[in-house]
Amino acid sequence: MNQRLLTDGVGDGRCIHPWCVTAHGATVHPDDEDHRSAGVALTVTARRAEDHGPGRETELELGALRRAGESETWIVIETGIGASLALTRDGARLLQRRLHDEIGPGGILGRDGDGH
């Protein structure tokens, strides 16, 4: 077993991260040693920011990723419209709070001025 795997806490297919579903050691490809969670699917209406029109129904996939050799776990948002974003957990928590504040009840972006 190589030293990189030992320092990542990976050995004999098991992982120190309870959320990780990667089959560590199953192949020799370096990306196979990244720690990945199972994805959580969410269907939303979305469009690229530069587009116009009503958008389209698309799947978002949310998950966690920690690349081999890194010490930070990233929250990844991938879309069916060709965009993805990786945030630190603190960044994802801040986004969650801000979305609630801005589009939640009483938030300035929670309505379009049409009474809804």
Protein backbone atom coordinates (compact mmCIF):
# COMPACT_ATOMS: atom_id res chain seq x y z
CA MET A 1 0.00 0.00 0.00
CA ASN A 2 1.42 3.39 -0.88
CA GLN A 3 2.01 6.15 1.67
CA ARG A 4 -0.56 8.52 0.11
CA LEU A 5 -3.35 6.09 0.83
CA LEU A 6 -2.19 5.62 4.41
CA THR A 7 -2.10 9.36 5.05
CA ASP A 8 -5.59 9.74 3.56
CA GLY A 9 -6.93 7.19 6.02
CA VAL A 10 -7.87 4.82 3.23
CA GLY A 11 -7.15 1.12 3.35
CA ASP A 12 -8.69 -2.16 2.20
CA GLY A 13 -11.67 -0.40 0.59
CA ARG A 14 -12.99 1.28 3.73
CA CYS A 15 -12.87 4.99 4.36
CA ILE A 16 -12.59 7.18 7.45
CA HIS A 17 -15.36 9.47 6.12
CA PRO A 18 -18.75 7.92 6.94
CA TRP A 19 -20.37 9.69 3.96
CA CYS A 20 -17.83 8.38 1.41
CA VAL A 21 -19.12 5.82 -1.08
CA THR A 22 -15.90 5.49 -3.11
CA ALA A 23 -14.67 1.93 -3.53
CA HIS A 24 -11.11 2.84 -2.58
CA GLY A 25 -8.46 0.61 -4.04
CA ALA A 26 -10.80 -0.91 -6.64
CA THR A 27 -8.68 0.44 -9.52
CA VAL A 28 -5.35 2.16 -9.96
CA HIS A 29 -6.80 5.42 -11.30
CA PRO A 30 -5.83 8.32 -8.99
CA ASP A 31 -9.34 9.88 -9.14
CA ASP A 32 -10.71 6.65 -7.65
CA GLU A 33 -9.10 7.66 -4.36
CA ASP A 34 -11.10 10.91 -4.10
CA HIS A 35 -13.74 10.80 -1.38
CA ARG A 36 -17.27 11.22 -2.78
CA SER A 37 -20.66 11.06 -1.14
CA ALA A 38 -23.73 9.59 -2.74
CA GLY A 39 -25.46 12.30 -4.75
CA VAL A 40 -28.77 13.76 -3.68
CA ALA A 41 -31.01 14.56 -6.67
CA LEU A 42 -33.33 17.54 -6.82
CA THR A 43 -35.54 18.47 -9.80
CA VAL A 44 -35.84 22.23 -10.36
CA THR A 45 -36.65 24.68 -13.12
CA ALA A 46 -33.38 26.33 -14.13
CA ARG A 47 -31.58 28.15 -16.92
CA ARG A 48 -28.13 29.49 -17.50
CA ALA A 49 -27.85 33.08 -16.23
CA GLU A 50 -27.23 34.45 -19.75
CA ASP A 51 -30.33 32.73 -21.18
CA HIS A 52 -33.86 34.13 -21.52
CA GLY A 53 -37.24 32.45 -21.21
CA PRO A 54 -38.86 30.12 -18.74
CA GLY A 55 -35.91 27.74 -18.32
CA ARG A 56 -36.33 23.99 -18.26
CA GLU A 57 -36.81 21.24 -15.75
CA THR A 58 -33.41 19.87 -14.81
CA GLU A 59 -31.79 17.73 -12.18
CA LEU A 60 -29.43 19.17 -9.61
CA GLU A 61 -27.13 16.80 -7.82
CA LEU A 62 -25.75 17.75 -4.44
CA GLY A 63 -22.89 15.91 -2.81
CA ALA A 64 -19.61 16.10 -0.94
CA LEU A 65 -16.14 15.77 -2.48
CA ARG A 66 -12.72 15.65 -0.92
CA ARG A 67 -9.93 15.14 -3.42
CA ALA A 68 -7.10 12.81 -2.44
CA GLY A 69 -4.46 14.73 -0.55
CA GLU A 70 -6.75 17.66 0.35
CA SER A 71 -7.85 18.54 3.86
CA GLU A 72 -11.12 20.30 2.96
CA THR A 73 -14.44 18.74 2.03
CA TRP A 74 -16.35 20.61 -0.69
CA ILE A 75 -20.09 20.68 -1.25
CA VAL A 76 -20.66 20.22 -4.97
CA ILE A 77 -23.74 21.37 -6.90
CA GLU A 78 -23.91 19.92 -10.41
CA THR A 79 -26.62 20.69 -12.92
CA GLY A 80 -28.05 19.21 -16.08
CA ILE A 81 -27.45 22.52 -17.86
CA GLY A 82 -23.67 22.36 -17.93
CA ALA A 83 -22.77 24.22 -14.74
CA SER A 84 -21.24 23.12 -11.49
CA LEU A 85 -20.04 24.78 -8.32
CA ALA A 86 -18.02 23.57 -5.36
CA LEU A 87 -18.32 25.40 -2.04
CA THR A 88 -16.62 24.86 1.26
CA ARG A 89 -19.00 23.63 3.93
CA ASP A 90 -18.87 27.10 5.54
CA GLY A 91 -19.64 28.66 2.17
CA ALA A 92 -22.58 26.30 1.65
CA ARG A 93 -23.94 27.16 5.11
CA LEU A 94 -23.62 30.88 4.35
CA LEU A 95 -25.43 30.39 1.03
CA GLN A 96 -28.20 28.49 2.80
CA ARG A 97 -28.65 31.29 5.38
CA ARG A 98 -28.55 34.02 2.74
CA LEU A 99 -31.09 32.27 0.52
CA HIS A 100 -33.43 31.92 3.48
CA ASP A 101 -32.97 35.59 4.45
CA GLU A 102 -33.41 36.94 0.93
CA ILE A 103 -36.13 34.71 -0.58
CA GLY A 104 -37.81 33.44 2.58
CA PRO A 105 -40.81 35.05 4.27
CA GLY A 106 -40.18 38.77 4.47
CA GLY A 107 -37.08 38.63 2.28
CA ILE A 108 -36.66 41.37 -0.33
CA LEU A 109 -36.36 38.80 -3.14
CA GLY A 110 -39.24 36.66 -1.88
CA ARG A 111 -41.77 38.24 -4.23
CA ASP A 112 -41.87 40.17 -7.49
CA GLY A 113 -44.19 43.01 -6.44
CA ASP A 114 -47.26 41.30 -7.86
CA GLY A 115 -48.72 40.47 -4.46
CA HIS A 116 -47.42 36.86 -4.48
